Amino acid sequence: MKVANSLRSLKQRHRDCQIVRRKGRVYVINKTQKRFKARQG
């Protein structure tokens, strides 16, 4: 999982990436390609 300042560029890495808010943090998750994960905050 990458920790990044901006998730906009990480969302563009794959077309199935989604931005999700959990527990005050912002995550990028991808259900088809599990390696594309990121967190902010």
Protein backbone atom coordinates (compact mmCIF):
# COMPACT_ATOMS: atom_id res chain seq x y z
CA MET A 1 0.00 0.00 0.00
CA LYS A 2 1.31 3.41 -0.94
CA VAL A 3 0.90 6.43 1.31
CA ALA A 4 0.54 9.55 -0.81
CA ASN A 5 -0.14 13.24 -0.54
CA SER A 6 -2.47 13.28 -3.52
CA LEU A 7 -4.66 10.36 -4.52
CA ARG A 8 -5.74 11.79 -7.85
CA SER A 9 -2.70 10.42 -9.69
CA LEU A 10 -3.05 7.04 -7.98
CA LYS A 11 -6.68 6.79 -9.04
CA GLN A 12 -5.59 7.07 -12.67
CA ARG A 13 -3.36 3.99 -12.47
CA HIS A 14 -6.19 1.61 -13.30
CA ARG A 15 -9.74 2.07 -14.55
CA ASP A 16 -11.27 0.10 -11.66
CA CYS A 17 -9.74 2.19 -8.88
CA GLN A 18 -12.22 3.68 -6.43
CA ILE A 19 -11.78 6.31 -3.74
CA VAL A 20 -13.26 5.33 -0.37
CA ARG A 21 -13.39 7.18 2.97
CA ARG A 22 -12.91 5.04 6.07
CA LYS A 23 -12.23 6.21 9.63
CA GLY A 24 -11.19 9.69 8.53
CA ARG A 25 -8.69 8.40 5.97
CA VAL A 26 -9.02 8.34 2.22
CA TYR A 27 -8.19 5.10 0.44
CA VAL A 28 -7.85 4.00 -3.16
CA ILE A 29 -9.00 0.40 -3.57
CA ASN A 30 -9.24 -1.84 -6.57
CA LYS A 31 -11.19 -5.08 -6.52
CA THR A 32 -9.87 -6.53 -9.77
CA GLN A 33 -6.17 -5.62 -9.42
CA LYS A 34 -5.47 -5.88 -5.71
CA ARG A 35 -2.01 -4.33 -5.97
CA PHE A 36 -3.40 -0.84 -6.65
CA LYS A 37 -3.97 0.33 -3.10
CA ALA A 38 -3.16 3.68 -1.54
CA ARG A 39 -3.92 5.71 1.56
CA GLN A 40 -3.96 9.41 2.42
CA GLY A 41 -4.14 10.89 5.90
